[in-house]
Amino acid sequence: MLSIKNKIALLVALAATGAVSIFTIGSQSLKSNTTLVSELKNSYYPIMSSATLNNAILSQLSERFNLSVTLGDSELLLLNKETFSQLTKNFDKQKQLQPSLAQPINSLQTLAKQYFDASYDIAYRMIEGTIDLSSAADLAAKNTQILETLTERMAQFEQQRSDEFESLVVTLENENNSARSTMLTIGSAALILIALFGFVVVHGIRKDLANISSKMKDIAEGDGDLTVRLVHNKKDELSELADSFNNFVQQLQMNINATIENVNGLGGIAST
């Protein structure tokens, strides 16, 4: 049987265990969320934004090549060189952010360079009037096919990066909800256990105290029967109280008996 002190210690330990469990889960969730947020901020979002920008750059390159031929403006070709350089830098940045994507990015980069070189050559020769008109249509058709393939693949790449970003955001939200739910469950369970155990402990102590108090009252208000003893079978602090009271009553009984014997002895002497 646990003592009152041990029962209280167990109650405190139960509360501490619940608090530590909640703190541990919260810390793990925070650490995991910090990692995910860092990946979203430093990797996935920049790549997604860069992929969107590259699609806009590709569209700009195509329009500017067409416009340079229509206007016969070679300066637009030089401007496209700078624009294509930005496209290349974006591809390189994407590979730095996520080396695991190097293969598909290299494929896009190769196809983009193939399109740019062919478009630049066709546009330049048309502006200069040095292109063979009999082959110009075939070259333009092949280059258009390359552009369509490149546009489709870059759009797919952008969509994949967007899906990955959204998936991580959903994962982050799910982990937050899961951690919150787990902490709430553990906290609720701990509170219920603490309340139940606390009720049992307090009820037991009150019951034992009431029992001891009742017996002490019976002794005090009864016929002065000093042979009555408190009985408390539990090995706790109240058992010590009962033992102390019983020792007190026993000592009092012995003193009274001794006094009676002395009085009787004196009475016998006086009668002689």
C-alpha atoms as a PDB file:
ATOM      1  CA  MET A   1       0.000   0.000   0.000  1.00  0.00           C
ATOM      2  CA  LEU A   2       1.425   3.368  -1.010  1.00  0.00           C
ATOM      3  CA  SER A   3       1.890   6.071   1.568  1.00  0.00           C
ATOM      4  CA  ILE A   4       0.218   9.452   1.141  1.00  0.00           C
ATOM      5  CA  LYS A   5       3.571  10.985   0.263  1.00  0.00           C
ATOM      6  CA  ASN A   6       4.160   8.379  -2.433  1.00  0.00           C
ATOM      7  CA  LYS A   7       0.652   8.844  -3.791  1.00  0.00           C
ATOM      8  CA  ILE A   8       1.236  12.581  -4.124  1.00  0.00           C
ATOM      9  CA  ALA A   9       4.635  11.910  -5.701  1.00  0.00           C
ATOM     10  CA  LEU A  10       2.983   9.548  -8.185  1.00  0.00           C
ATOM     11  CA  LEU A  11       0.405  12.214  -8.991  1.00  0.00           C
ATOM     12  CA  VAL A  12       3.160  14.760  -9.628  1.00  0.00           C
ATOM     13  CA  ALA A  13       5.082  12.225 -11.736  1.00  0.00           C
ATOM     14  CA  LEU A  14       1.980  11.586 -13.828  1.00  0.00           C
ATOM     15  CA  ALA A  15       1.538  15.301 -14.441  1.00  0.00           C
ATOM     16  CA  ALA A  16       5.235  15.690 -15.264  1.00  0.00           C
ATOM     17  CA  THR A  17       5.106  12.759 -17.695  1.00  0.00           C
ATOM     18  CA  GLY A  18       2.192  14.326 -19.539  1.00  0.00           C
ATOM     19  CA  ALA A  19       3.942  17.691 -19.688  1.00  0.00           C
ATOM     20  CA  VAL A  20       7.209  16.145 -20.914  1.00  0.00           C
ATOM     21  CA  SER A  21       5.359  14.124 -23.567  1.00  0.00           C
ATOM     22  CA  ILE A  22       3.588  17.221 -24.857  1.00  0.00           C
ATOM     23  CA  PHE A  23       6.843  19.196 -24.832  1.00  0.00           C
ATOM     24  CA  THR A  24       8.697  16.411 -26.677  1.00  0.00           C
ATOM     25  CA  ILE A  25       6.050  16.112 -29.379  1.00  0.00           C
ATOM     26  CA  GLY A  26       5.917  19.886 -29.718  1.00  0.00           C
ATOM     27  CA  SER A  27       9.702  20.103 -30.044  1.00  0.00           C
ATOM     28  CA  GLN A  28       9.828  17.339 -32.651  1.00  0.00           C
ATOM     29  CA  SER A  29       7.012  18.960 -34.601  1.00  0.00           C
ATOM     30  CA  LEU A  30       8.737  22.344 -34.452  1.00  0.00           C
ATOM     31  CA  LYS A  31      12.014  20.834 -35.652  1.00  0.00           C
ATOM     32  CA  SER A  32      10.308  19.019 -38.520  1.00  0.00           C
ATOM     33  CA  ASN A  33       8.301  22.102 -39.480  1.00  0.00           C
ATOM     34  CA  THR A  34      11.406  24.281 -39.379  1.00  0.00           C
ATOM     35  CA  THR A  35      13.115  21.917 -41.821  1.00  0.00           C
ATOM     36  CA  LEU A  36      10.125  21.905 -44.166  1.00  0.00           C
ATOM     37  CA  VAL A  37       9.740  25.672 -44.036  1.00  0.00           C
ATOM     38  CA  SER A  38      13.446  26.056 -44.786  1.00  0.00           C
ATOM     39  CA  GLU A  39      13.146  23.742 -47.803  1.00  0.00           C
ATOM     40  CA  LEU A  40      10.085  25.600 -49.042  1.00  0.00           C
ATOM     41  CA  LYS A  41      11.742  28.976 -48.641  1.00  0.00           C
ATOM     42  CA  ASN A  42      15.240  28.173 -49.873  1.00  0.00           C
ATOM     43  CA  SER A  43      14.616  25.527 -52.517  1.00  0.00           C
ATOM     44  CA  TYR A  44      11.130  24.652 -53.701  1.00  0.00           C
ATOM     45  CA  TYR A  45       9.666  28.147 -53.944  1.00  0.00           C
ATOM     46  CA  PRO A  46      12.683  29.679 -55.766  1.00  0.00           C
ATOM     47  CA  ILE A  47      12.700  26.807 -58.279  1.00  0.00           C
ATOM     48  CA  MET A  48       8.957  27.113 -58.857  1.00  0.00           C
ATOM     49  CA  SER A  49       9.286  30.875 -59.369  1.00  0.00           C
ATOM     50  CA  SER A  50      12.279  30.386 -61.652  1.00  0.00           C
ATOM     51  CA  ALA A  51      10.388  27.813 -63.741  1.00  0.00           C
ATOM     52  CA  THR A  52       7.502  30.256 -64.162  1.00  0.00           C
ATOM     53  CA  LEU A  53       9.932  33.001 -65.153  1.00  0.00           C
ATOM     54  CA  ASN A  54      11.648  30.726 -67.687  1.00  0.00           C
ATOM     55  CA  ASN A  55       8.348  30.058 -69.431  1.00  0.00           C
ATOM     56  CA  ALA A  56       7.784  33.797 -69.706  1.00  0.00           C
ATOM     57  CA  ILE A  57      11.332  34.258 -71.042  1.00  0.00           C
ATOM     58  CA  LEU A  58      10.808  31.547 -73.660  1.00  0.00           C
ATOM     59  CA  SER A  59       7.639  33.258 -74.851  1.00  0.00           C
ATOM     60  CA  GLN A  60       9.500  36.556 -74.982  1.00  0.00           C
ATOM     61  CA  LEU A  61      12.322  35.028 -77.016  1.00  0.00           C
ATOM     62  CA  SER A  62       9.887  33.594 -79.559  1.00  0.00           C
ATOM     63  CA  GLU A  63       7.988  36.854 -79.971  1.00  0.00           C
ATOM     64  CA  ARG A  64      11.171  38.869 -80.291  1.00  0.00           C
ATOM     65  CA  PHE A  65      12.624  36.542 -82.962  1.00  0.00           C
ATOM     66  CA  ASN A  66       9.441  36.925 -85.001  1.00  0.00           C
ATOM     67  CA  LEU A  67       9.447  40.685 -84.500  1.00  0.00           C
ATOM     68  CA  SER A  68      13.106  41.009 -85.510  1.00  0.00           C
ATOM     69  CA  VAL A  69      12.379  39.283 -88.833  1.00  0.00           C
ATOM     70  CA  THR A  70       9.245  41.337 -89.420  1.00  0.00           C
ATOM     71  CA  LEU A  71      11.014  44.630 -88.700  1.00  0.00           C
ATOM     72  CA  GLY A  72      14.403  43.561 -90.013  1.00  0.00           C
ATOM     73  CA  ASP A  73      15.907  44.729 -86.705  1.00  0.00           C
ATOM     74  CA  SER A  74      19.137  42.920 -85.800  1.00  0.00           C
ATOM     75  CA  GLU A  75      19.331  44.758 -82.462  1.00  0.00           C
ATOM     76  CA  LEU A  76      16.442  42.638 -81.244  1.00  0.00           C
ATOM     77  CA  LEU A  77      18.635  39.601 -81.859  1.00  0.00           C
ATOM     78  CA  LEU A  78      21.333  41.067 -79.616  1.00  0.00           C
ATOM     79  CA  LEU A  79      18.699  41.733 -76.973  1.00  0.00           C
ATOM     80  CA  ASN A  80      17.593  38.114 -77.269  1.00  0.00           C
ATOM     81  CA  LYS A  81      21.160  37.010 -76.540  1.00  0.00           C
ATOM     82  CA  GLU A  82      20.985  38.793 -73.194  1.00  0.00           C
ATOM     83  CA  THR A  83      17.561  37.324 -72.515  1.00  0.00           C
ATOM     84  CA  PHE A  84      18.756  33.809 -73.340  1.00  0.00           C
ATOM     85  CA  SER A  85      21.714  34.348 -71.003  1.00  0.00           C
ATOM     86  CA  GLN A  86      19.213  35.011 -68.205  1.00  0.00           C
ATOM     87  CA  LEU A  87      17.381  31.800 -69.117  1.00  0.00           C
ATOM     88  CA  THR A  88      20.646  29.859 -68.863  1.00  0.00           C
ATOM     89  CA  LYS A  89      21.425  31.424 -65.474  1.00  0.00           C
ATOM     90  CA  ASN A  90      17.996  30.403 -64.212  1.00  0.00           C
ATOM     91  CA  PHE A  91      18.594  26.808 -65.284  1.00  0.00           C
ATOM     92  CA  ASP A  92      21.979  26.796 -63.520  1.00  0.00           C
ATOM     93  CA  LYS A  93      20.416  28.247 -60.374  1.00  0.00           C
ATOM     94  CA  GLN A  94      17.761  25.528 -60.376  1.00  0.00           C
ATOM     95  CA  LYS A  95      20.432  22.830 -60.535  1.00  0.00           C
ATOM     96  CA  GLN A  96      22.250  24.427 -57.609  1.00  0.00           C
ATOM     97  CA  LEU A  97      19.097  24.562 -55.521  1.00  0.00           C
ATOM     98  CA  GLN A  98      18.142  20.946 -56.249  1.00  0.00           C
ATOM     99  CA  PRO A  99      20.966  18.837 -57.696  1.00  0.00           C
ATOM    100  CA  SER A 100      18.542  15.908 -57.969  1.00  0.00           C
ATOM    101  CA  LEU A 101      16.819  17.782 -60.817  1.00  0.00           C
ATOM    102  CA  ALA A 102      20.021  18.199 -62.823  1.00  0.00           C
ATOM    103  CA  GLN A 103      19.082  15.627 -65.473  1.00  0.00           C
ATOM    104  CA  PRO A 104      15.676  17.057 -66.519  1.00  0.00           C
ATOM    105  CA  ILE A 105      17.042  20.608 -66.283  1.00  0.00           C
ATOM    106  CA  ASN A 106      20.025  19.720 -68.490  1.00  0.00           C
ATOM    107  CA  SER A 107      17.605  18.233 -71.001  1.00  0.00           C
ATOM    108  CA  LEU A 108      15.572  21.456 -71.066  1.00  0.00           C
ATOM    109  CA  GLN A 109      18.718  23.547 -71.248  1.00  0.00           C
ATOM    110  CA  THR A 110      20.026  21.570 -74.227  1.00  0.00           C
ATOM    111  CA  LEU A 111      16.710  21.831 -76.047  1.00  0.00           C
ATOM    112  CA  ALA A 112      16.491  25.566 -75.270  1.00  0.00           C
ATOM    113  CA  LYS A 113      19.970  26.171 -76.688  1.00  0.00           C
ATOM    114  CA  GLN A 114      19.087  24.154 -79.771  1.00  0.00           C
ATOM    115  CA  TYR A 115      16.003  26.304 -80.292  1.00  0.00           C
ATOM    116  CA  PHE A 116      17.839  29.565 -79.641  1.00  0.00           C
ATOM    117  CA  ASP A 117      20.767  28.794 -81.946  1.00  0.00           C
ATOM    118  CA  ALA A 118      18.470  27.716 -84.784  1.00  0.00           C
ATOM    119  CA  SER A 119      16.128  30.690 -84.313  1.00  0.00           C
ATOM    120  CA  TYR A 120      18.998  33.153 -84.150  1.00  0.00           C
ATOM    121  CA  ASP A 121      20.586  31.724 -87.279  1.00  0.00           C
ATOM    122  CA  ILE A 122      17.330  31.760 -89.256  1.00  0.00           C
ATOM    123  CA  ALA A 123      16.373  35.270 -88.133  1.00  0.00           C
ATOM    124  CA  TYR A 124      19.856  36.683 -88.755  1.00  0.00           C
ATOM    125  CA  ARG A 125      20.102  35.251 -92.267  1.00  0.00           C
ATOM    126  CA  MET A 126      16.593  36.410 -93.125  1.00  0.00           C
ATOM    127  CA  ILE A 127      17.414  39.943 -91.962  1.00  0.00           C
ATOM    128  CA  GLU A 128      20.663  39.893 -93.937  1.00  0.00           C
ATOM    129  CA  GLY A 129      18.940  38.290 -96.922  1.00  0.00           C
ATOM    130  CA  THR A 130      21.414  35.417 -97.100  1.00  0.00           C
ATOM    131  CA  ILE A 131      19.040  32.560 -96.364  1.00  0.00           C
ATOM    132  CA  ASP A 132      18.052  30.074 -99.029  1.00  0.00           C
ATOM    133  CA  LEU A 133      14.320  30.679 -99.370  1.00  0.00           C
ATOM    134  CA  SER A 134      13.764  27.135-100.639  1.00  0.00           C
ATOM    135  CA  SER A 135      14.992  25.703 -97.337  1.00  0.00           C
ATOM    136  CA  ALA A 136      13.744  28.505 -95.060  1.00  0.00           C
ATOM    137  CA  ALA A 137      10.279  26.999 -94.715  1.00  0.00           C
ATOM    138  CA  ASP A 138      11.647  23.596 -93.706  1.00  0.00           C
ATOM    139  CA  LEU A 139      14.062  25.150 -91.203  1.00  0.00           C
ATOM    140  CA  ALA A 140      11.285  27.266 -89.709  1.00  0.00           C
ATOM    141  CA  ALA A 141       8.958  24.251 -89.460  1.00  0.00           C
ATOM    142  CA  LYS A 142      11.605  22.159 -87.687  1.00  0.00           C
ATOM    143  CA  ASN A 143      12.391  25.015 -85.337  1.00  0.00           C
ATOM    144  CA  THR A 144       8.694  25.512 -84.604  1.00  0.00           C
ATOM    145  CA  GLN A 145       8.455  21.841 -83.666  1.00  0.00           C
ATOM    146  CA  ILE A 146      11.434  22.250 -81.336  1.00  0.00           C
ATOM    147  CA  LEU A 147       9.748  25.289 -79.767  1.00  0.00           C
ATOM    148  CA  GLU A 148       6.496  23.407 -79.226  1.00  0.00           C
ATOM    149  CA  THR A 149       8.338  20.503 -77.591  1.00  0.00           C
ATOM    150  CA  LEU A 150      10.371  22.870 -75.430  1.00  0.00           C
ATOM    151  CA  THR A 151       7.285  24.858 -74.420  1.00  0.00           C
ATOM    152  CA  GLU A 152       5.423  21.696 -73.459  1.00  0.00           C
ATOM    153  CA  ARG A 153       8.309  20.279 -71.420  1.00  0.00           C
ATOM    154  CA  MET A 154       8.986  23.544 -69.636  1.00  0.00           C
ATOM    155  CA  ALA A 155       5.294  23.859 -68.795  1.00  0.00           C
ATOM    156  CA  GLN A 156       5.343  20.313 -67.417  1.00  0.00           C
ATOM    157  CA  PHE A 157       8.455  21.130 -65.401  1.00  0.00           C
ATOM    158  CA  GLU A 158       6.773  24.209 -63.947  1.00  0.00           C
ATOM    159  CA  GLN A 159       3.643  22.217 -63.078  1.00  0.00           C
ATOM    160  CA  GLN A 160       5.710  19.519 -61.379  1.00  0.00           C
ATOM    161  CA  ARG A 161       7.522  22.099 -59.277  1.00  0.00           C
ATOM    162  CA  SER A 162       4.210  23.720 -58.379  1.00  0.00           C
ATOM    163  CA  ASP A 163       2.753  20.339 -57.383  1.00  0.00           C
ATOM    164  CA  GLU A 164       5.804  19.579 -55.232  1.00  0.00           C
ATOM    165  CA  PHE A 165       5.521  22.949 -53.517  1.00  0.00           C
ATOM    166  CA  GLU A 166       1.816  22.487 -52.809  1.00  0.00           C
ATOM    167  CA  SER A 167       2.456  18.931 -51.600  1.00  0.00           C
ATOM    168  CA  LEU A 168       5.025  20.165 -49.092  1.00  0.00           C
ATOM    169  CA  VAL A 169       2.645  22.861 -47.886  1.00  0.00           C
ATOM    170  CA  VAL A 170      -0.051  20.219 -47.374  1.00  0.00           C
ATOM    171  CA  THR A 171       2.471  17.994 -45.580  1.00  0.00           C
ATOM    172  CA  LEU A 172       3.396  20.890 -43.316  1.00  0.00           C
ATOM    173  CA  GLU A 173      -0.253  21.551 -42.501  1.00  0.00           C
ATOM    174  CA  ASN A 174      -0.928  17.849 -41.881  1.00  0.00           C
ATOM    175  CA  GLU A 175       2.054  17.537 -39.549  1.00  0.00           C
ATOM    176  CA  ASN A 176       0.928  20.613 -37.638  1.00  0.00           C
ATOM    177  CA  ASN A 177      -2.585  19.219 -37.318  1.00  0.00           C
ATOM    178  CA  SER A 178      -1.273  15.786 -36.331  1.00  0.00           C
ATOM    179  CA  ALA A 179       1.048  17.221 -33.677  1.00  0.00           C
ATOM    180  CA  ARG A 180      -1.730  19.455 -32.359  1.00  0.00           C
ATOM    181  CA  SER A 181      -4.131  16.514 -32.217  1.00  0.00           C
ATOM    182  CA  THR A 182      -1.572  14.285 -30.491  1.00  0.00           C
ATOM    183  CA  MET A 183      -0.709  16.932 -27.912  1.00  0.00           C
ATOM    184  CA  LEU A 184      -4.401  17.560 -27.282  1.00  0.00           C
ATOM    185  CA  THR A 185      -5.039  13.829 -26.852  1.00  0.00           C
ATOM    186  CA  ILE A 186      -2.098  13.338 -24.497  1.00  0.00           C
ATOM    187  CA  GLY A 187      -2.977  16.479 -22.562  1.00  0.00           C
ATOM    188  CA  SER A 188      -6.614  15.435 -22.209  1.00  0.00           C
ATOM    189  CA  ALA A 189      -5.670  11.892 -21.196  1.00  0.00           C
ATOM    190  CA  ALA A 190      -3.156  13.201 -18.660  1.00  0.00           C
ATOM    191  CA  LEU A 191      -5.699  15.608 -17.173  1.00  0.00           C
ATOM    192  CA  ILE A 192      -8.304  12.855 -16.914  1.00  0.00           C
ATOM    193  CA  LEU A 193      -5.848  10.445 -15.269  1.00  0.00           C
ATOM    194  CA  ILE A 194      -4.614  13.136 -12.895  1.00  0.00           C
ATOM    195  CA  ALA A 195      -8.187  14.077 -11.993  1.00  0.00           C
ATOM    196  CA  LEU A 196      -9.227  10.448 -11.432  1.00  0.00           C
ATOM    197  CA  PHE A 197      -6.116   9.522  -9.486  1.00  0.00           C
ATOM    198  CA  GLY A 198      -6.299  12.757  -7.500  1.00  0.00           C
ATOM    199  CA  PHE A 199      -9.937  12.063  -6.661  1.00  0.00           C
ATOM    200  CA  VAL A 200      -9.089   8.532  -5.507  1.00  0.00           C
ATOM    201  CA  VAL A 201      -6.198   9.789  -3.369  1.00  0.00           C
ATOM    202  CA  VAL A 202      -8.145  12.657  -1.803  1.00  0.00           C
ATOM    203  CA  HIS A 203     -11.235  10.512  -1.287  1.00  0.00           C
ATOM    204  CA  GLY A 204      -9.150   7.794   0.361  1.00  0.00           C
ATOM    205  CA  ILE A 205      -7.419  10.268   2.677  1.00  0.00           C
ATOM    206  CA  ARG A 206     -10.696  11.933   3.630  1.00  0.00           C
ATOM    207  CA  LYS A 207     -12.314   8.559   4.260  1.00  0.00           C
ATOM    208  CA  ASP A 208      -9.446   7.389   6.464  1.00  0.00           C
ATOM    209  CA  LEU A 209      -9.379  10.684   8.360  1.00  0.00           C
ATOM    210  CA  ALA A 210     -13.126  10.528   8.888  1.00  0.00           C
ATOM    211  CA  ASN A 211     -12.807   6.957  10.184  1.00  0.00           C
ATOM    212  CA  ILE A 212     -10.002   7.853  12.583  1.00  0.00           C
ATOM    213  CA  SER A 213     -11.798  11.018  13.699  1.00  0.00           C
ATOM    214  CA  SER A 214     -14.974   9.046  14.363  1.00  0.00           C
ATOM    215  CA  LYS A 215     -13.157   6.494  16.516  1.00  0.00           C
ATOM    216  CA  MET A 216     -11.301   9.204  18.424  1.00  0.00           C
ATOM    217  CA  LYS A 217     -14.622  10.951  19.031  1.00  0.00           C
ATOM    218  CA  ASP A 218     -16.148   7.704  20.292  1.00  0.00           C
ATOM    219  CA  ILE A 219     -13.301   7.308  22.765  1.00  0.00           C
ATOM    220  CA  ALA A 220     -13.531  10.930  23.881  1.00  0.00           C
ATOM    221  CA  GLU A 221     -17.316  11.024  24.267  1.00  0.00           C
ATOM    222  CA  GLY A 222     -17.871   7.421  25.367  1.00  0.00           C
ATOM    223  CA  ASP A 223     -17.598   5.815  28.796  1.00  0.00           C
ATOM    224  CA  GLY A 224     -13.900   6.446  28.978  1.00  0.00           C
ATOM    225  CA  ASP A 225     -13.032   2.942  27.807  1.00  0.00           C
ATOM    226  CA  LEU A 226      -9.285   3.221  27.419  1.00  0.00           C
ATOM    227  CA  THR A 227      -9.042  -0.317  26.087  1.00  0.00           C
ATOM    228  CA  VAL A 228     -10.401   0.790  22.708  1.00  0.00           C
ATOM    229  CA  ARG A 229      -7.750   1.163  20.023  1.00  0.00           C
ATOM    230  CA  LEU A 230      -7.730   2.761  16.596  1.00  0.00           C
ATOM    231  CA  VAL A 231      -7.360   0.229  13.805  1.00  0.00           C
ATOM    232  CA  HIS A 232      -5.756   1.465  10.554  1.00  0.00           C
ATOM    233  CA  ASN A 233      -4.309  -1.322   8.440  1.00  0.00           C
ATOM    234  CA  LYS A 234      -2.817   0.868   5.708  1.00  0.00           C
ATOM    235  CA  LYS A 235       0.912   1.527   5.826  1.00  0.00           C
ATOM    236  CA  ASP A 236       0.870   5.291   5.461  1.00  0.00           C
ATOM    237  CA  GLU A 237       1.168   8.492   7.482  1.00  0.00           C
ATOM    238  CA  LEU A 238      -2.280   7.971   9.010  1.00  0.00           C
ATOM    239  CA  SER A 239      -1.086   4.622  10.342  1.00  0.00           C
ATOM    240  CA  GLU A 240       1.598   6.506  12.253  1.00  0.00           C
ATOM    241  CA  LEU A 241      -1.078   8.851  13.594  1.00  0.00           C
ATOM    242  CA  ALA A 242      -3.208   5.908  14.736  1.00  0.00           C
ATOM    243  CA  ASP A 243      -0.206   4.219  16.362  1.00  0.00           C
ATOM    244  CA  SER A 244       0.728   7.433  18.173  1.00  0.00           C
ATOM    245  CA  PHE A 245      -2.816   7.854  19.428  1.00  0.00           C
ATOM    246  CA  ASN A 246      -2.979   4.218  20.547  1.00  0.00           C
ATOM    247  CA  ASN A 247       0.330   4.611  22.389  1.00  0.00           C
ATOM    248  CA  PHE A 248      -0.995   7.752  24.051  1.00  0.00           C
ATOM    249  CA  VAL A 249      -4.196   6.000  25.180  1.00  0.00           C
ATOM    250  CA  GLN A 250      -2.218   2.984  26.373  1.00  0.00           C
ATOM    251  CA  GLN A 251       0.154   5.190  28.354  1.00  0.00           C
ATOM    252  CA  LEU A 252      -2.806   7.099  29.766  1.00  0.00           C
ATOM    253  CA  GLN A 253      -4.459   3.808  30.730  1.00  0.00           C
ATOM    254  CA  MET A 254      -1.294   2.622  32.442  1.00  0.00           C
ATOM    255  CA  ASN A 255      -0.956   5.902  34.351  1.00  0.00           C
ATOM    256  CA  ILE A 256      -4.576   5.774  35.483  1.00  0.00           C
ATOM    257  CA  ASN A 257      -4.248   2.142  36.554  1.00  0.00           C
ATOM    258  CA  ALA A 258      -1.087   2.988  38.460  1.00  0.00           C
ATOM    259  CA  THR A 259      -2.831   5.913  40.134  1.00  0.00           C
ATOM    260  CA  ILE A 260      -5.761   3.702  41.112  1.00  0.00           C
ATOM    261  CA  GLU A 261      -3.402   1.124  42.580  1.00  0.00           C
ATOM    262  CA  ASN A 262      -1.598   3.826  44.552  1.00  0.00           C
ATOM    263  CA  VAL A 263      -4.867   5.240  45.832  1.00  0.00           C
ATOM    264  CA  ASN A 264      -6.060   1.775  46.851  1.00  0.00           C
ATOM    265  CA  GLY A 265      -2.759   1.151  48.585  1.00  0.00           C
ATOM    266  CA  LEU A 266      -2.998   4.388  50.519  1.00  0.00           C
ATOM    267  CA  GLY A 267      -6.591   3.582  51.438  1.00  0.00           C
ATOM    268  CA  GLY A 268      -5.516   0.219  52.865  1.00  0.00           C
ATOM    269  CA  ILE A 269      -2.802   1.830  54.955  1.00  0.00           C
ATOM    270  CA  ALA A 270      -5.187   4.448  56.273  1.00  0.00           C
ATOM    271  CA  SER A 271      -7.742   1.823  57.331  1.00  0.00           C
ATOM    272  CA  THR A 272      -5.164   0.006  59.438  1.00  0.00           C
END
